[in-house]
């Protein structure tokens, strides 16, 4: 079974529950004006972002407006940046999506989702080497992150760049994939690869 490009993006892009803002040191990149601590309203920002999350799939335009309001209330709400980036990516607005994921990555340094989402943007933009490197950073943060395993193994196979990790990732996705479509895809792809125990995947 193959996953179409549209289905792949829909299955993979991650929305983050807006349970916290997560402020990191330093000013993240992006076309936003700095916000003073006194001007922040994290509680209202979280409320708006959570409301947006509930309707993001069915009413992305309204969700985008709510997320913009959330960021006006608290510019340092990492999940809001991530989820706004996901909406932009679904609309094909790659530049805007990349900016939001960069903000989220900076504000949520221990979270793999913004890194994986940024890698999706790079992949969609044809910047394949950068996409590979960015997927790797997501796995550095969370080595067993199934959505990243799904996306990375698919890109490896699509570009003919399978390595010693590919079979293991496919095995994991076949068991723990997010949907039955991903699990079936992983099983079919894994069957085409030689077993790593046979030493046919050269790691040197």
Protein backbone atom coordinates (compact mmCIF):
# COMPACT_ATOMS: atom_id res chain seq x y z
CA UNK A 1 0.00 0.00 0.00
CA UNK A 2 1.31 3.44 -0.85
CA UNK A 3 0.61 6.70 0.93
CA UNK A 4 -0.30 9.60 -1.33
CA UNK A 5 1.53 12.86 -0.75
CA UNK A 6 -1.59 14.58 0.60
CA UNK A 7 -2.36 11.70 2.92
CA UNK A 8 1.25 11.60 4.08
CA UNK A 9 1.19 15.25 5.13
CA UNK A 10 -2.23 14.86 6.76
CA UNK A 11 -1.09 11.81 8.71
CA UNK A 12 2.22 13.27 9.80
CA UNK A 13 1.98 16.98 10.66
CA UNK A 14 1.63 17.26 14.43
CA UNK A 15 -0.59 19.62 16.33
CA UNK A 16 0.48 20.16 19.92
CA UNK A 17 -1.97 20.47 22.77
CA UNK A 18 -1.66 24.00 24.13
CA UNK A 19 -0.97 23.07 27.72
CA UNK A 20 1.88 25.47 28.30
CA UNK A 21 3.82 28.30 26.75
CA UNK A 22 7.38 27.14 27.27
CA UNK A 23 9.67 30.15 27.10
CA UNK A 24 13.28 29.63 26.07
CA UNK A 25 16.17 32.00 26.54
CA UNK A 26 17.03 34.25 23.64
CA UNK A 27 14.81 35.77 20.96
CA UNK A 28 13.55 33.26 18.42
CA UNK A 29 13.64 34.16 14.72
CA UNK A 30 10.62 35.55 12.96
CA UNK A 31 8.74 38.67 11.94
CA UNK A 32 7.19 39.45 15.31
CA UNK A 33 7.70 42.47 17.55
CA UNK A 34 9.28 41.75 20.93
CA UNK A 35 6.88 41.43 23.87
CA UNK A 36 7.52 42.68 27.38
CA UNK A 37 6.80 40.42 30.32
CA UNK A 38 4.11 42.83 31.51
CA UNK A 39 2.35 42.60 28.17
CA UNK A 40 2.00 38.82 28.24
CA UNK A 41 -1.20 37.00 29.14
CA UNK A 42 -0.22 33.29 29.08
CA UNK A 43 -3.55 32.11 30.49
CA UNK A 44 -5.59 33.80 27.76
CA UNK A 45 -3.10 32.67 25.14
CA UNK A 46 -3.45 29.04 26.22
CA UNK A 47 -7.24 29.31 26.22
CA UNK A 48 -7.32 30.69 22.68
CA UNK A 49 -4.78 28.15 21.44
CA UNK A 50 -6.75 25.28 22.96
CA UNK A 51 -9.93 26.54 21.29
CA UNK A 52 -8.07 26.70 17.98
CA UNK A 53 -6.80 23.16 18.43
CA UNK A 54 -10.36 21.83 18.75
CA UNK A 55 -11.44 23.25 15.39
CA UNK A 56 -8.18 23.18 13.41
CA UNK A 57 -9.17 20.26 11.20
CA UNK A 58 -12.70 21.45 10.41
CA UNK A 59 -12.28 25.23 10.34
CA UNK A 60 -8.63 26.11 9.68
CA UNK A 61 -9.40 29.76 8.86
CA UNK A 62 -11.01 30.35 12.24
CA UNK A 63 -8.27 28.35 13.94
CA UNK A 64 -5.65 30.56 12.27
CA UNK A 65 -7.38 33.68 13.59
CA UNK A 66 -7.54 32.24 17.09
CA UNK A 67 -3.87 31.29 17.02
CA UNK A 68 -2.93 34.79 15.92
CA UNK A 69 -4.95 36.13 18.85
CA UNK A 70 -3.18 33.65 21.12
CA UNK A 71 0.21 34.90 19.98
CA UNK A 72 -0.90 38.50 20.44
CA UNK A 73 -1.65 37.56 24.03
CA UNK A 74 1.63 35.70 24.51
CA UNK A 75 4.25 35.68 21.78
CA UNK A 76 6.15 32.92 23.59
CA UNK A 77 3.43 30.26 23.38
CA UNK A 78 5.37 27.50 21.64
CA UNK A 79 2.41 25.18 20.88
CA UNK A 80 0.52 28.08 19.26
CA UNK A 81 3.45 28.73 16.93
CA UNK A 82 3.66 25.04 16.05
CA UNK A 83 -0.05 24.74 15.34
CA UNK A 84 -0.13 27.92 13.27
CA UNK A 85 2.78 26.49 11.29
CA UNK A 86 0.79 23.29 10.71
CA UNK A 87 -2.09 25.31 9.26
CA UNK A 88 0.29 27.22 6.99
CA UNK A 89 1.89 23.98 5.82
CA UNK A 90 -1.48 22.48 4.96
CA UNK A 91 -2.14 25.61 2.87
CA UNK A 92 1.21 25.32 1.08
CA UNK A 93 2.55 28.50 2.70
CA UNK A 94 5.99 27.04 3.27
CA UNK A 95 7.88 30.20 4.21
CA UNK A 96 5.36 31.16 6.89
CA UNK A 97 5.20 27.58 8.15
CA UNK A 98 8.98 27.37 8.48
CA UNK A 99 9.03 30.59 10.50
CA UNK A 100 6.43 29.32 12.95
CA UNK A 101 8.15 25.97 13.37
CA UNK A 102 11.44 27.77 14.03
CA UNK A 103 9.76 29.74 16.80
CA UNK A 104 8.25 26.56 18.25
CA UNK A 105 11.55 24.71 18.04
CA UNK A 106 13.32 27.48 19.92
CA UNK A 107 10.61 27.79 22.57
CA UNK A 108 10.23 24.00 23.03
CA UNK A 109 13.80 22.70 22.88
CA UNK A 110 12.92 19.31 24.35
CA UNK A 111 9.95 18.62 22.06
CA UNK A 112 10.44 16.68 18.79
CA UNK A 113 7.25 17.79 17.02
CA UNK A 114 8.32 21.27 15.81
CA UNK A 115 11.59 19.80 14.52
CA UNK A 116 9.77 17.07 12.63
CA UNK A 117 7.28 19.57 11.24
CA UNK A 118 10.11 21.83 10.09
CA UNK A 119 11.68 18.84 8.35
CA UNK A 120 8.38 18.26 6.53
CA UNK A 121 8.52 21.84 5.24
CA UNK A 122 12.08 21.37 4.04
CA UNK A 123 11.15 18.09 2.36
CA UNK A 124 8.16 19.66 0.64
CA UNK A 125 10.41 22.54 -0.52
CA UNK A 126 12.83 20.05 -2.08
CA UNK A 127 15.63 20.76 0.41
CA UNK A 128 16.21 17.07 0.99
CA UNK A 129 19.59 17.13 2.73
CA UNK A 130 18.35 19.72 5.21
CA UNK A 131 15.18 17.69 5.74
CA UNK A 132 17.23 14.60 6.60
CA UNK A 133 19.35 16.59 9.05
CA UNK A 134 16.29 18.11 10.70
CA UNK A 135 14.53 14.76 11.07
CA UNK A 136 17.71 13.57 12.80
CA UNK A 137 17.47 16.44 15.31
CA UNK A 138 13.93 15.32 16.19
CA UNK A 139 15.20 11.81 16.90
CA UNK A 140 18.05 13.24 18.96
CA UNK A 141 15.43 14.84 21.22
CA UNK A 142 13.21 11.74 21.29
CA UNK A 143 14.80 8.63 19.72
CA UNK A 144 11.57 6.58 19.72
CA UNK A 145 9.34 9.28 18.20
CA UNK A 146 7.07 7.31 15.86
CA UNK A 147 5.89 10.24 13.68
CA UNK A 148 9.51 11.09 12.89
CA UNK A 149 10.32 7.45 12.20
CA UNK A 150 7.40 7.36 9.78
CA UNK A 151 8.45 10.50 7.95
CA UNK A 152 12.18 9.76 7.90
CA UNK A 153 11.87 6.15 6.73
CA UNK A 154 9.48 7.20 3.99
CA UNK A 155 11.90 9.89 2.77
CA UNK A 156 14.79 7.41 2.88
CA UNK A 157 12.90 4.93 0.73
CA UNK A 158 11.56 7.59 -1.64
CA UNK A 159 15.05 8.93 -2.31
CA UNK A 160 16.87 5.58 -2.33
CA UNK A 161 18.83 6.49 0.78
CA UNK A 162 17.93 3.66 3.15
CA UNK A 163 20.59 3.06 5.80
CA UNK A 164 21.18 0.78 8.75
CA UNK A 165 18.32 2.42 10.68
CA UNK A 166 15.63 1.95 8.06
CA UNK A 167 14.65 -1.64 8.81
CA UNK A 168 14.46 -0.96 12.55
CA UNK A 169 12.29 2.12 12.02
CA UNK A 170 9.96 0.20 9.71
CA UNK A 171 9.69 -2.57 12.31
CA UNK A 172 8.68 0.01 14.91
CA UNK A 173 6.17 1.71 12.62
CA UNK A 174 4.66 -1.66 11.66
CA UNK A 175 3.84 -2.17 15.35
CA UNK A 176 3.33 1.34 16.71
CA UNK A 177 2.42 3.38 13.64
CA UNK A 178 -0.11 6.13 14.25
CA UNK A 179 -2.71 4.69 11.87
CA UNK A 180 -3.50 1.40 10.20
CA UNK A 181 -2.41 2.97 6.90
CA UNK A 182 1.07 3.68 8.29
CA UNK A 183 1.33 0.22 9.85
CA UNK A 184 0.34 -1.51 6.62
CA UNK A 185 2.72 0.67 4.62
CA UNK A 186 5.59 -0.15 6.98
CA UNK A 187 4.94 -3.88 6.78
CA UNK A 188 4.88 -3.84 2.98
CA UNK A 189 8.06 -1.78 2.77
CA UNK A 190 9.83 -3.86 5.40
CA UNK A 191 9.12 -7.03 3.40
CA UNK A 192 11.13 -5.58 0.53
CA UNK A 193 14.22 -4.98 2.64
CA UNK A 194 16.75 -7.66 3.59
CA UNK A 195 16.91 -8.52 7.26
CA UNK A 196 19.65 -6.56 9.05
CA UNK A 197 20.71 -9.79 10.75
CA UNK A 198 21.91 -11.06 7.37
CA UNK A 199 24.41 -8.25 7.16
CA UNK A 200 23.19 -7.02 3.79
CA UNK A 201 22.71 -3.45 4.92
CA UNK A 202 26.26 -2.10 4.89
CA UNK A 203 26.92 0.22 7.81
CA UNK A 204 30.45 1.09 6.76
